């Protein structure tokens, strides 16, 4: 039986500017890689008024990854932070539509926000 290839690591860059934060994600948001991501972003969300997640370079999101995004969204609402998604890939957009979560998450594109 062939061995399963290890998941491409999840890497993210966090840029803070005042009460805003921009997080650029790379790799796969999948089971086994979500705990540290959630812990780091929970702290970022707690100290920000708006957090934008740039998901352009995510190659795959599984149910655990989706659950992590939902947990971040719930935490953000609880602390008065606005969590926005940017550059949804086809796979993630389809996953959000399938689970009826697309309308729950606010996307930067909907609001005409330009991020340089």
PDB file of N, CA and C in Angstrom:
ATOM      1  N   UNK A   1       0.843  -1.163   0.000  1.00  0.00           N
ATOM      2  CA  UNK A   1       0.000   0.000   0.000  1.00  0.00           C
ATOM      3  C   UNK A   1       0.900   1.242   0.000  1.00  0.00           C
ATOM      4  N   UNK A   2       0.670   2.192  -0.931  1.00  0.00           N
ATOM      5  CA  UNK A   2       1.534   3.372  -0.975  1.00  0.00           C
ATOM      6  C   UNK A   2       1.313   4.260   0.242  1.00  0.00           C
ATOM      7  N   UNK A   3       2.403   4.879   0.685  1.00  0.00           N
ATOM      8  CA  UNK A   3       2.305   5.787   1.827  1.00  0.00           C
ATOM      9  C   UNK A   3       1.669   7.088   1.385  1.00  0.00           C
ATOM     10  N   UNK A   4       0.877   7.658   2.290  1.00  0.00           N
ATOM     11  CA  UNK A   4       0.237   8.931   2.008  1.00  0.00           C
ATOM     12  C   UNK A   4       1.283  10.035   2.128  1.00  0.00           C
ATOM     13  N   UNK A   5       1.270  10.953   1.160  1.00  0.00           N
ATOM     14  CA  UNK A   5       2.217  12.064   1.205  1.00  0.00           C
ATOM     15  C   UNK A   5       1.861  12.978   2.372  1.00  0.00           C
ATOM     16  N   UNK A   6       2.846  13.478   3.081  1.00  0.00           N
ATOM     17  CA  UNK A   6       2.550  14.377   4.191  1.00  0.00           C
ATOM     18  C   UNK A   6       1.902  15.656   3.677  1.00  0.00           C
ATOM     19  N   UNK A   7       1.033  16.205   4.488  1.00  0.00           N
ATOM     20  CA  UNK A   7       0.346  17.432   4.116  1.00  0.00           C
ATOM     21  C   UNK A   7       1.353  18.566   4.003  1.00  0.00           C
ATOM     22  N   UNK A   8       1.163  19.396   2.976  1.00  0.00           N
ATOM     23  CA  UNK A   8       2.013  20.575   2.839  1.00  0.00           C
ATOM     24  C   UNK A   8       1.765  21.444   4.061  1.00  0.00           C
ATOM     25  N   UNK A   9       2.807  21.885   4.705  1.00  0.00           N
ATOM     26  CA  UNK A   9       2.617  22.648   5.935  1.00  0.00           C
ATOM     27  C   UNK A   9       1.801  23.917   5.703  1.00  0.00           C
ATOM     28  N   UNK A  10       1.138  24.309   6.759  1.00  0.00           N
ATOM     29  CA  UNK A  10       0.397  25.561   6.755  1.00  0.00           C
ATOM     30  C   UNK A  10       1.330  26.642   7.267  1.00  0.00           C
ATOM     31  N   UNK A  11       1.507  27.667   6.473  1.00  0.00           N
ATOM     32  CA  UNK A  11       2.353  28.795   6.833  1.00  0.00           C
ATOM     33  C   UNK A  11       1.498  30.044   6.717  1.00  0.00           C
ATOM     34  N   UNK A  12       1.682  30.977   7.656  1.00  0.00           N
ATOM     35  CA  UNK A  12       0.898  32.212   7.587  1.00  0.00           C
ATOM     36  C   UNK A  12       1.739  33.371   8.096  1.00  0.00           C
ATOM     37  N   UNK A  13       1.582  34.483   7.423  1.00  0.00           N
ATOM     38  CA  UNK A  13       2.272  35.713   7.792  1.00  0.00           C
ATOM     39  C   UNK A  13       1.235  36.656   8.381  1.00  0.00           C
ATOM     40  N   UNK A  14       1.534  37.221   9.546  1.00  0.00           N
ATOM     41  CA  UNK A  14       0.616  38.127  10.222  1.00  0.00           C
ATOM     42  C   UNK A  14       1.217  39.528  10.194  1.00  0.00           C
ATOM     43  N   UNK A  15       0.476  40.454   9.613  1.00  0.00           N
ATOM     44  CA  UNK A  15       0.904  41.848   9.546  1.00  0.00           C
ATOM     45  C   UNK A  15      -0.107  42.672  10.331  1.00  0.00           C
ATOM     46  N   UNK A  16       0.379  43.358  11.353  1.00  0.00           N
ATOM     47  CA  UNK A  16      -0.501  44.181  12.188  1.00  0.00           C
ATOM     48  C   UNK A  16      -0.255  45.654  11.895  1.00  0.00           C
ATOM     49  N   UNK A  17      -1.354  46.391  11.798  1.00  0.00           N
ATOM     50  CA  UNK A  17      -1.283  47.841  11.630  1.00  0.00           C
ATOM     51  C   UNK A  17      -2.344  48.446  12.524  1.00  0.00           C
ATOM     52  N   UNK A  18      -1.942  48.990  13.631  1.00  0.00           N
ATOM     53  CA  UNK A  18      -2.901  49.582  14.561  1.00  0.00           C
ATOM     54  C   UNK A  18      -3.874  48.536  15.063  1.00  0.00           C
ATOM     55  N   UNK A  19      -5.166  48.788  14.852  1.00  0.00           N
ATOM     56  CA  UNK A  19      -6.208  47.863  15.307  1.00  0.00           C
ATOM     57  C   UNK A  19      -6.627  46.876  14.231  1.00  0.00           C
ATOM     58  N   UNK A  20      -5.856  46.822  13.136  1.00  0.00           N
ATOM     59  CA  UNK A  20      -6.151  45.907  12.038  1.00  0.00           C
ATOM     60  C   UNK A  20      -5.041  44.874  11.899  1.00  0.00           C
ATOM     61  N   UNK A  21      -5.405  43.732  11.342  1.00  0.00           N
ATOM     62  CA  UNK A  21      -4.408  42.695  11.071  1.00  0.00           C
ATOM     63  C   UNK A  21      -4.722  42.047   9.728  1.00  0.00           C
ATOM     64  N   UNK A  22      -3.686  41.710   9.002  1.00  0.00           N
ATOM     65  CA  UNK A  22      -3.791  41.055   7.710  1.00  0.00           C
ATOM     66  C   UNK A  22      -3.016  39.752   7.819  1.00  0.00           C
ATOM     67  N   UNK A  23      -3.675  38.644   7.484  1.00  0.00           N
ATOM     68  CA  UNK A  23      -3.037  37.331   7.607  1.00  0.00           C
ATOM     69  C   UNK A  23      -3.036  36.658   6.241  1.00  0.00           C
ATOM     70  N   UNK A  24      -1.858  36.397   5.716  1.00  0.00           N
ATOM     71  CA  UNK A  24      -1.719  35.741   4.414  1.00  0.00           C
ATOM     72  C   UNK A  24      -1.382  34.275   4.658  1.00  0.00           C
ATOM     73  N   UNK A  25      -2.261  33.396   4.196  1.00  0.00           N
ATOM     74  CA  UNK A  25      -2.118  31.953   4.450  1.00  0.00           C
ATOM     75  C   UNK A  25      -1.569  31.225   3.222  1.00  0.00           C
ATOM     76  N   UNK A  26      -0.706  30.247   3.459  1.00  0.00           N
ATOM     77  CA  UNK A  26      -0.109  29.429   2.397  1.00  0.00           C
ATOM     78  C   UNK A  26      -0.207  27.962   2.809  1.00  0.00           C
ATOM     79  N   UNK A  27      -0.505  27.088   1.861  1.00  0.00           N
ATOM     80  CA  UNK A  27      -0.492  25.652   2.151  1.00  0.00           C
ATOM     81  C   UNK A  27      -1.882  25.063   2.285  1.00  0.00           C
ATOM     82  N   UNK A  28      -2.022  24.153   3.240  1.00  0.00           N
ATOM     83  CA  UNK A  28      -3.270  23.405   3.430  1.00  0.00           C
ATOM     84  C   UNK A  28      -3.783  23.623   4.847  1.00  0.00           C
ATOM     85  N   UNK A  29      -5.048  23.983   4.963  1.00  0.00           N
ATOM     86  CA  UNK A  29      -5.686  24.142   6.271  1.00  0.00           C
ATOM     87  C   UNK A  29      -6.455  22.852   6.524  1.00  0.00           C
ATOM     88  N   UNK A  30      -5.758  21.889   7.125  1.00  0.00           N
ATOM     89  CA  UNK A  30      -6.307  20.547   7.277  1.00  0.00           C
ATOM     90  C   UNK A  30      -6.053  20.019   8.686  1.00  0.00           C
ATOM     91  N   UNK A  31      -6.732  18.930   9.009  1.00  0.00           N
ATOM     92  CA  UNK A  31      -6.585  18.268  10.302  1.00  0.00           C
ATOM     93  C   UNK A  31      -5.110  18.061  10.631  1.00  0.00           C
ATOM     94  N   UNK A  32      -4.780  18.358  11.866  1.00  0.00           N
ATOM     95  CA  UNK A  32      -3.403  18.212  12.307  1.00  0.00           C
ATOM     96  C   UNK A  32      -2.587  19.488  12.168  1.00  0.00           C
ATOM     97  N   UNK A  33      -3.087  20.439  11.386  1.00  0.00           N
ATOM     98  CA  UNK A  33      -2.365  21.681  11.187  1.00  0.00           C
ATOM     99  C   UNK A  33      -3.150  22.891  11.675  1.00  0.00           C
ATOM    100  N   UNK A  34      -4.295  22.657  12.296  1.00  0.00           N
ATOM    101  CA  UNK A  34      -5.190  23.766  12.631  1.00  0.00           C
ATOM    102  C   UNK A  34      -5.030  24.308  14.049  1.00  0.00           C
ATOM    103  N   UNK A  35      -4.533  23.520  14.971  1.00  0.00           N
ATOM    104  CA  UNK A  35      -4.470  23.948  16.375  1.00  0.00           C
ATOM    105  C   UNK A  35      -3.595  25.182  16.588  1.00  0.00           C
ATOM    106  N   UNK A  36      -2.383  25.168  16.064  1.00  0.00           N
ATOM    107  CA  UNK A  36      -1.487  26.315  16.214  1.00  0.00           C
ATOM    108  C   UNK A  36      -2.042  27.529  15.484  1.00  0.00           C
ATOM    109  N   UNK A  37      -2.595  27.291  14.294  1.00  0.00           N
ATOM    110  CA  UNK A  37      -3.205  28.372  13.508  1.00  0.00           C
ATOM    111  C   UNK A  37      -4.301  29.054  14.324  1.00  0.00           C
ATOM    112  N   UNK A  38      -5.180  28.262  14.901  1.00  0.00           N
ATOM    113  CA  UNK A  38      -6.272  28.827  15.694  1.00  0.00           C
ATOM    114  C   UNK A  38      -5.731  29.591  16.911  1.00  0.00           C
ATOM    115  N   UNK A  39      -4.794  29.010  17.617  1.00  0.00           N
ATOM    116  CA  UNK A  39      -4.248  29.656  18.816  1.00  0.00           C
ATOM    117  C   UNK A  39      -3.598  30.998  18.471  1.00  0.00           C
ATOM    118  N   UNK A  40      -2.804  31.037  17.410  1.00  0.00           N
ATOM    119  CA  UNK A  40      -2.148  32.283  17.005  1.00  0.00           C
ATOM    120  C   UNK A  40      -3.166  33.327  16.552  1.00  0.00           C
ATOM    121  N   UNK A  41      -4.141  32.903  15.750  1.00  0.00           N
ATOM    122  CA  UNK A  41      -5.114  33.860  15.243  1.00  0.00           C
ATOM    123  C   UNK A  41      -6.123  34.283  16.298  1.00  0.00           C
ATOM    124  N   UNK A  42      -6.368  33.445  17.270  1.00  0.00           N
ATOM    125  CA  UNK A  42      -7.256  33.837  18.367  1.00  0.00           C
ATOM    126  C   UNK A  42      -6.662  35.035  19.097  1.00  0.00           C
ATOM    127  N   UNK A  43      -5.359  35.012  19.325  1.00  0.00           N
ATOM    128  CA  UNK A  43      -4.685  36.145  19.957  1.00  0.00           C
ATOM    129  C   UNK A  43      -4.739  37.390  19.070  1.00  0.00           C
ATOM    130  N   UNK A  44      -4.537  37.212  17.771  1.00  0.00           N
ATOM    131  CA  UNK A  44      -4.593  38.338  16.832  1.00  0.00           C
ATOM    132  C   UNK A  44      -5.989  38.944  16.827  1.00  0.00           C
ATOM    133  N   UNK A  45      -7.010  38.093  16.748  1.00  0.00           N
ATOM    134  CA  UNK A  45      -8.404  38.554  16.727  1.00  0.00           C
ATOM    135  C   UNK A  45      -8.745  39.287  18.017  1.00  0.00           C
ATOM    136  N   UNK A  46      -8.271  38.771  19.137  1.00  0.00           N
ATOM    137  CA  UNK A  46      -8.573  39.389  20.430  1.00  0.00           C
ATOM    138  C   UNK A  46      -8.016  40.803  20.543  1.00  0.00           C
ATOM    139  N   UNK A  47      -6.944  41.102  19.831  1.00  0.00           N
ATOM    140  CA  UNK A  47      -6.329  42.414  19.914  1.00  0.00           C
ATOM    141  C   UNK A  47      -6.597  43.309  18.725  1.00  0.00           C
ATOM    142  N   UNK A  48      -7.583  42.973  17.894  1.00  0.00           N
ATOM    143  CA  UNK A  48      -7.841  43.743  16.672  1.00  0.00           C
ATOM    144  C   UNK A  48      -9.316  44.073  16.526  1.00  0.00           C
ATOM    145  N   UNK A  49      -9.590  45.117  15.746  1.00  0.00           N
ATOM    146  CA  UNK A  49     -10.979  45.454  15.416  1.00  0.00           C
ATOM    147  C   UNK A  49     -11.389  44.807  14.097  1.00  0.00           C
ATOM    148  N   UNK A  50     -10.419  44.606  13.208  1.00  0.00           N
ATOM    149  CA  UNK A  50     -10.691  43.940  11.933  1.00  0.00           C
ATOM    150  C   UNK A  50      -9.500  43.049  11.590  1.00  0.00           C
ATOM    151  N   UNK A  51      -9.816  41.836  11.132  1.00  0.00           N
ATOM    152  CA  UNK A  51      -8.791  40.895  10.684  1.00  0.00           C
ATOM    153  C   UNK A  51      -9.205  40.404   9.304  1.00  0.00           C
ATOM    154  N   UNK A  52      -8.277  40.514   8.358  1.00  0.00           N
ATOM    155  CA  UNK A  52      -8.520  40.035   6.997  1.00  0.00           C
ATOM    156  C   UNK A  52      -7.632  38.825   6.760  1.00  0.00           C
ATOM    157  N   UNK A  53      -8.264  37.717   6.392  1.00  0.00           N
ATOM    158  CA  UNK A  53      -7.527  36.492   6.048  1.00  0.00           C
ATOM    159  C   UNK A  53      -7.421  36.408   4.533  1.00  0.00           C
ATOM    160  N   UNK A  54      -6.220  36.466   4.007  1.00  0.00           N
ATOM    161  CA  UNK A  54      -5.986  36.303   2.574  1.00  0.00           C
ATOM    162  C   UNK A  54      -5.752  34.821   2.322  1.00  0.00           C
ATOM    163  N   UNK A  55      -6.701  34.175   1.670  1.00  0.00           N
ATOM    164  CA  UNK A  55      -6.673  32.722   1.495  1.00  0.00           C
ATOM    165  C   UNK A  55      -6.277  32.313   0.078  1.00  0.00           C
ATOM    166  N   UNK A  56      -5.725  33.237  -0.675  1.00  0.00           N
ATOM    167  CA  UNK A  56      -5.364  32.983  -2.071  1.00  0.00           C
ATOM    168  C   UNK A  56      -4.436  31.780  -2.239  1.00  0.00           C
ATOM    169  N   UNK A  57      -3.484  31.636  -1.337  1.00  0.00           N
ATOM    170  CA  UNK A  57      -2.481  30.581  -1.479  1.00  0.00           C
ATOM    171  C   UNK A  57      -2.795  29.310  -0.696  1.00  0.00           C
ATOM    172  N   UNK A  58      -4.039  29.196  -0.197  1.00  0.00           N
ATOM    173  CA  UNK A  58      -4.446  27.922   0.411  1.00  0.00           C
ATOM    174  C   UNK A  58      -4.756  26.954  -0.717  1.00  0.00           C
ATOM    175  N   UNK A  59      -4.182  25.775  -0.662  1.00  0.00           N
ATOM    176  CA  UNK A  59      -4.413  24.806  -1.729  1.00  0.00           C
ATOM    177  C   UNK A  59      -5.551  23.848  -1.411  1.00  0.00           C
ATOM    178  N   UNK A  60      -5.890  23.707  -0.119  1.00  0.00           N
ATOM    179  CA  UNK A  60      -6.969  22.793   0.257  1.00  0.00           C
ATOM    180  C   UNK A  60      -7.424  23.093   1.673  1.00  0.00           C
ATOM    181  N   UNK A  61      -8.734  22.975   1.907  1.00  0.00           N
ATOM    182  CA  UNK A  61      -9.312  23.128   3.239  1.00  0.00           C
ATOM    183  C   UNK A  61     -10.230  21.932   3.471  1.00  0.00           C
ATOM    184  N   UNK A  62      -9.990  21.181   4.569  1.00  0.00           N
ATOM    185  CA  UNK A  62     -10.868  20.052   4.893  1.00  0.00           C
ATOM    186  C   UNK A  62     -11.871  20.489   5.962  1.00  0.00           C
ATOM    187  N   UNK A  63     -12.620  19.543   6.500  1.00  0.00           N
ATOM    188  CA  UNK A  63     -13.665  19.880   7.477  1.00  0.00           C
ATOM    189  C   UNK A  63     -13.072  20.480   8.752  1.00  0.00           C
ATOM    190  N   UNK A  64     -11.891  20.017   9.167  1.00  0.00           N
ATOM    191  CA  UNK A  64     -11.238  20.595  10.349  1.00  0.00           C
ATOM    192  C   UNK A  64     -10.804  22.033  10.075  1.00  0.00           C
ATOM    193  N   UNK A  65     -10.311  22.283   8.883  1.00  0.00           N
ATOM    194  CA  UNK A  65      -9.936  23.641   8.504  1.00  0.00           C
ATOM    195  C   UNK A  65     -11.140  24.554   8.477  1.00  0.00           C
ATOM    196  N   UNK A  66     -12.242  24.057   7.927  1.00  0.00           N
ATOM    197  CA  UNK A  66     -13.480  24.836   7.897  1.00  0.00           C
ATOM    198  C   UNK A  66     -13.964  25.102   9.323  1.00  0.00           C
ATOM    199  N   UNK A  67     -13.894  24.092  10.170  1.00  0.00           N
ATOM    200  CA  UNK A  67     -14.284  24.254  11.569  1.00  0.00           C
ATOM    201  C   UNK A  67     -13.427  25.296  12.268  1.00  0.00           C
ATOM    202  N   UNK A  68     -12.157  25.360  11.916  1.00  0.00           N
ATOM    203  CA  UNK A  68     -11.261  26.351  12.504  1.00  0.00           C
ATOM    204  C   UNK A  68     -11.658  27.754  12.069  1.00  0.00           C
ATOM    205  N   UNK A  69     -12.015  27.924  10.800  1.00  0.00           N
ATOM    206  CA  UNK A  69     -12.477  29.235  10.331  1.00  0.00           C
ATOM    207  C   UNK A  69     -13.757  29.644  11.055  1.00  0.00           C
ATOM    208  N   UNK A  70     -14.656  28.693  11.270  1.00  0.00           N
ATOM    209  CA  UNK A  70     -15.901  28.984  11.987  1.00  0.00           C
ATOM    210  C   UNK A  70     -15.594  29.366  13.433  1.00  0.00           C
ATOM    211  N   UNK A  71     -14.702  28.630  14.090  1.00  0.00           N
ATOM    212  CA  UNK A  71     -14.316  28.959  15.471  1.00  0.00           C
ATOM    213  C   UNK A  71     -13.729  30.362  15.557  1.00  0.00           C
ATOM    214  N   UNK A  72     -12.882  30.725  14.594  1.00  0.00           N
ATOM    215  CA  UNK A  72     -12.312  32.075  14.581  1.00  0.00           C
ATOM    216  C   UNK A  72     -13.394  33.124  14.394  1.00  0.00           C
ATOM    217  N   UNK A  73     -14.350  32.835  13.508  1.00  0.00           N
ATOM    218  CA  UNK A  73     -15.456  33.762  13.259  1.00  0.00           C
ATOM    219  C   UNK A  73     -16.271  33.979  14.537  1.00  0.00           C
ATOM    220  N   UNK A  74     -16.597  32.899  15.224  1.00  0.00           N
ATOM    221  CA  UNK A  74     -17.386  32.990  16.462  1.00  0.00           C
ATOM    222  C   UNK A  74     -16.606  33.757  17.530  1.00  0.00           C
ATOM    223  N   UNK A  75     -15.314  33.461  17.658  1.00  0.00           N
ATOM    224  CA  UNK A  75     -14.488  34.171  18.634  1.00  0.00           C
ATOM    225  C   UNK A  75     -14.417  35.662  18.283  1.00  0.00           C
ATOM    226  N   UNK A  76     -14.229  35.972  17.015  1.00  0.00           N
ATOM    227  CA  UNK A  76     -14.129  37.364  16.579  1.00  0.00           C
ATOM    228  C   UNK A  76     -15.406  38.129  16.930  1.00  0.00           C
ATOM    229  N   UNK A  77     -16.541  37.552  16.649  1.00  0.00           N
ATOM    230  CA  UNK A  77     -17.811  38.217  16.978  1.00  0.00           C
ATOM    231  C   UNK A  77     -17.924  38.440  18.479  1.00  0.00           C
ATOM    232  N   UNK A  78     -17.464  37.485  19.244  1.00  0.00           N
ATOM    233  CA  UNK A  78     -17.556  37.584  20.697  1.00  0.00           C
ATOM    234  C   UNK A  78     -16.701  38.690  21.297  1.00  0.00           C
ATOM    235  N   UNK A  79     -15.603  39.038  20.626  1.00  0.00           N
ATOM    236  CA  UNK A  79     -14.715  40.082  21.150  1.00  0.00           C
ATOM    237  C   UNK A  79     -14.844  41.393  20.374  1.00  0.00           C
ATOM    238  N   UNK A  80     -15.834  41.469  19.491  1.00  0.00           N
ATOM    239  CA  UNK A  80     -16.076  42.707  18.759  1.00  0.00           C
ATOM    240  C   UNK A  80     -15.137  42.959  17.600  1.00  0.00           C
ATOM    241  N   UNK A  81     -14.600  41.910  17.038  1.00  0.00           N
ATOM    242  CA  UNK A  81     -13.696  42.015  15.897  1.00  0.00           C
ATOM    243  C   UNK A  81     -14.434  41.562  14.640  1.00  0.00           C
ATOM    244  N   UNK A  82     -14.126  42.215  13.529  1.00  0.00           N
ATOM    245  CA  UNK A  82     -14.721  41.827  12.261  1.00  0.00           C
ATOM    246  C   UNK A  82     -13.719  40.949  11.509  1.00  0.00           C
ATOM    247  N   UNK A  83     -14.105  39.722  11.198  1.00  0.00           N
ATOM    248  CA  UNK A  83     -13.250  38.780  10.473  1.00  0.00           C
ATOM    249  C   UNK A  83     -13.729  38.728   9.036  1.00  0.00           C
ATOM    250  N   UNK A  84     -12.834  39.047   8.106  1.00  0.00           N
ATOM    251  CA  UNK A  84     -13.178  39.042   6.684  1.00  0.00           C
ATOM    252  C   UNK A  84     -12.253  38.087   5.943  1.00  0.00           C
ATOM    253  N   UNK A  85     -12.808  37.449   4.928  1.00  0.00           N
ATOM    254  CA  UNK A  85     -12.034  36.537   4.084  1.00  0.00           C
ATOM    255  C   UNK A  85     -11.750  37.217   2.755  1.00  0.00           C
ATOM    256  N   UNK A  86     -10.609  36.899   2.191  1.00  0.00           N
ATOM    257  CA  UNK A  86     -10.185  37.506   0.922  1.00  0.00           C
ATOM    258  C   UNK A  86      -9.628  36.424   0.020  1.00  0.00           C
ATOM    259  N   UNK A  87      -9.909  36.533  -1.267  1.00  0.00           N
ATOM    260  CA  UNK A  87      -9.387  35.609  -2.273  1.00  0.00           C
ATOM    261  C   UNK A  87      -9.765  34.157  -1.993  1.00  0.00           C
ATOM    262  N   UNK A  88     -11.046  33.887  -1.915  1.00  0.00           N
ATOM    263  CA  UNK A  88     -11.499  32.510  -1.719  1.00  0.00           C
ATOM    264  C   UNK A  88     -11.208  31.706  -2.976  1.00  0.00           C
ATOM    265  N   UNK A  89     -10.529  30.599  -2.810  1.00  0.00           N
ATOM    266  CA  UNK A  89     -10.288  29.711  -3.935  1.00  0.00           C
ATOM    267  C   UNK A  89     -11.561  28.942  -4.272  1.00  0.00           C
ATOM    268  N   UNK A  90     -11.554  28.307  -5.416  1.00  0.00           N
ATOM    269  CA  UNK A  90     -12.735  27.578  -5.888  1.00  0.00           C
ATOM    270  C   UNK A  90     -13.158  26.492  -4.889  1.00  0.00           C
ATOM    271  N   UNK A  91     -12.193  25.729  -4.372  1.00  0.00           N
ATOM    272  CA  UNK A  91     -12.513  24.624  -3.457  1.00  0.00           C
ATOM    273  C   UNK A  91     -13.134  25.149  -2.170  1.00  0.00           C
ATOM    274  N   UNK A  92     -12.557  26.207  -1.596  1.00  0.00           N
ATOM    275  CA  UNK A  92     -13.100  26.759  -0.358  1.00  0.00           C
ATOM    276  C   UNK A  92     -14.454  27.416  -0.598  1.00  0.00           C
ATOM    277  N   UNK A  93     -14.598  28.146  -1.691  1.00  0.00           N
ATOM    278  CA  UNK A  93     -15.889  28.774  -2.010  1.00  0.00           C
ATOM    279  C   UNK A  93     -16.973  27.706  -2.140  1.00  0.00           C
ATOM    280  N   UNK A  94     -16.661  26.607  -2.830  1.00  0.00           N
ATOM    281  CA  UNK A  94     -17.632  25.515  -2.982  1.00  0.00           C
ATOM    282  C   UNK A  94     -17.962  24.882  -1.628  1.00  0.00           C
ATOM    283  N   UNK A  95     -16.954  24.713  -0.777  1.00  0.00           N
ATOM    284  CA  UNK A  95     -17.165  24.140   0.549  1.00  0.00           C
ATOM    285  C   UNK A  95     -18.067  25.050   1.385  1.00  0.00           C
ATOM    286  N   UNK A  96     -17.838  26.343   1.320  1.00  0.00           N
ATOM    287  CA  UNK A  96     -18.672  27.295   2.060  1.00  0.00           C
ATOM    288  C   UNK A  96     -20.108  27.313   1.529  1.00  0.00           C
ATOM    289  N   UNK A  97     -20.259  27.196   0.205  1.00  0.00           N
ATOM    290  CA  UNK A  97     -21.606  27.139  -0.377  1.00  0.00           C
ATOM    291  C   UNK A  97     -22.318  25.858   0.054  1.00  0.00           C
ATOM    292  N   UNK A  98     -21.616  24.747  -0.030  1.00  0.00           N
ATOM    293  CA  UNK A  98     -22.188  23.441   0.308  1.00  0.00           C
ATOM    294  C   UNK A  98     -22.671  23.392   1.750  1.00  0.00           C
ATOM    295  N   UNK A  99     -21.954  24.067   2.635  1.00  0.00           N
ATOM    296  CA  UNK A  99     -22.300  24.058   4.059  1.00  0.00           C
ATOM    297  C   UNK A  99     -23.155  25.265   4.462  1.00  0.00           C
ATOM    298  N   UNK A 100     -23.595  26.037   3.480  1.00  0.00           N
ATOM    299  CA  UNK A 100     -24.406  27.240   3.710  1.00  0.00           C
ATOM    300  C   UNK A 100     -23.702  28.257   4.613  1.00  0.00           C
ATOM    301  N   UNK A 101     -22.395  28.328   4.524  1.00  0.00           N
ATOM    302  CA  UNK A 101     -21.628  29.275   5.332  1.00  0.00           C
ATOM    303  C   UNK A 101     -21.118  30.469   4.531  1.00  0.00           C
ATOM    304  N   UNK A 102     -21.275  30.436   3.207  1.00  0.00           N
ATOM    305  CA  UNK A 102     -20.742  31.523   2.395  1.00  0.00           C
ATOM    306  C   UNK A 102     -21.347  32.867   2.793  1.00  0.00           C
ATOM    307  N   UNK A 103     -22.640  32.879   3.069  1.00  0.00           N
ATOM    308  CA  UNK A 103     -23.290  34.141   3.445  1.00  0.00           C
ATOM    309  C   UNK A 103     -22.927  34.558   4.878  1.00  0.00           C
ATOM    310  N   UNK A 104     -22.455  33.634   5.688  1.00  0.00           N
ATOM    311  CA  UNK A 104     -22.062  33.948   7.063  1.00  0.00           C
ATOM    312  C   UNK A 104     -20.768  34.740   7.080  1.00  0.00           C
ATOM    313  N   UNK A 105     -19.813  34.292   6.286  1.00  0.00           N
ATOM    314  CA  UNK A 105     -18.519  34.963   6.237  1.00  0.00           C
ATOM    315  C   UNK A 105     -18.595  36.176   5.331  1.00  0.00           C
ATOM    316  N   UNK A 106     -18.048  37.253   5.813  1.00  0.00           N
ATOM    317  CA  UNK A 106     -17.958  38.475   5.033  1.00  0.00           C
ATOM    318  C   UNK A 106     -16.685  38.394   4.200  1.00  0.00           C
ATOM    319  N   UNK A 107     -16.785  38.759   2.939  1.00  0.00           N
ATOM    320  CA  UNK A 107     -15.585  38.765   2.112  1.00  0.00           C
ATOM    321  C   UNK A 107     -15.213  40.195   1.780  1.00  0.00           C
ATOM    322  N   UNK A 108     -13.943  40.431   1.645  1.00  0.00           N
ATOM    323  CA  UNK A 108     -13.440  41.759   1.341  1.00  0.00           C
ATOM    324  C   UNK A 108     -14.015  42.241   0.026  1.00  0.00           C
ATOM    325  N   UNK A 109     -14.152  41.354  -0.939  1.00  0.00           N
ATOM    326  CA  UNK A 109     -14.656  41.722  -2.254  1.00  0.00           C
ATOM    327  C   UNK A 109     -16.072  42.303  -2.163  1.00  0.00           C
ATOM    328  N   UNK A 110     -16.891  41.809  -1.248  1.00  0.00           N
ATOM    329  CA  UNK A 110     -18.257  42.305  -1.091  1.00  0.00           C
ATOM    330  C   UNK A 110     -18.288  43.760  -0.662  1.00  0.00           C
ATOM    331  N   UNK A 111     -17.280  44.160   0.084  1.00  0.00           N
ATOM    332  CA  UNK A 111     -17.274  45.496   0.674  1.00  0.00           C
ATOM    333  C   UNK A 111     -16.437  46.496  -0.101  1.00  0.00           C
ATOM    334  N   UNK A 112     -15.855  46.078  -1.206  1.00  0.00           N
ATOM    335  CA  UNK A 112     -15.070  46.989  -2.028  1.00  0.00           C
ATOM    336  C   UNK A 112     -13.810  47.497  -1.337  1.00  0.00           C
ATOM    337  N   UNK A 113     -13.297  46.726  -0.393  1.00  0.00           N
ATOM    338  CA  UNK A 113     -12.083  47.135   0.310  1.00  0.00           C
ATOM    339  C   UNK A 113     -10.879  46.770  -0.551  1.00  0.00           C
ATOM    340  N   UNK A 114      -9.990  47.713  -0.707  1.00  0.00           N
ATOM    341  CA  UNK A 114      -8.785  47.463  -1.474  1.00  0.00           C
ATOM    342  C   UNK A 114      -7.624  47.262  -0.525  1.00  0.00           C
ATOM    343  N   UNK A 115      -6.925  46.161  -0.702  1.00  0.00           N
ATOM    344  CA  UNK A 115      -5.744  45.895   0.110  1.00  0.00           C
ATOM    345  C   UNK A 115      -4.563  45.863  -0.818  1.00  0.00           C
ATOM    346  N   UNK A 116      -3.597  46.734  -0.579  1.00  0.00           N
ATOM    347  CA  UNK A 116      -2.423  46.835  -1.481  1.00  0.00           C
ATOM    348  C   UNK A 116      -1.477  45.688  -1.251  1.00  0.00           C
TER     349      UNK A 116
END
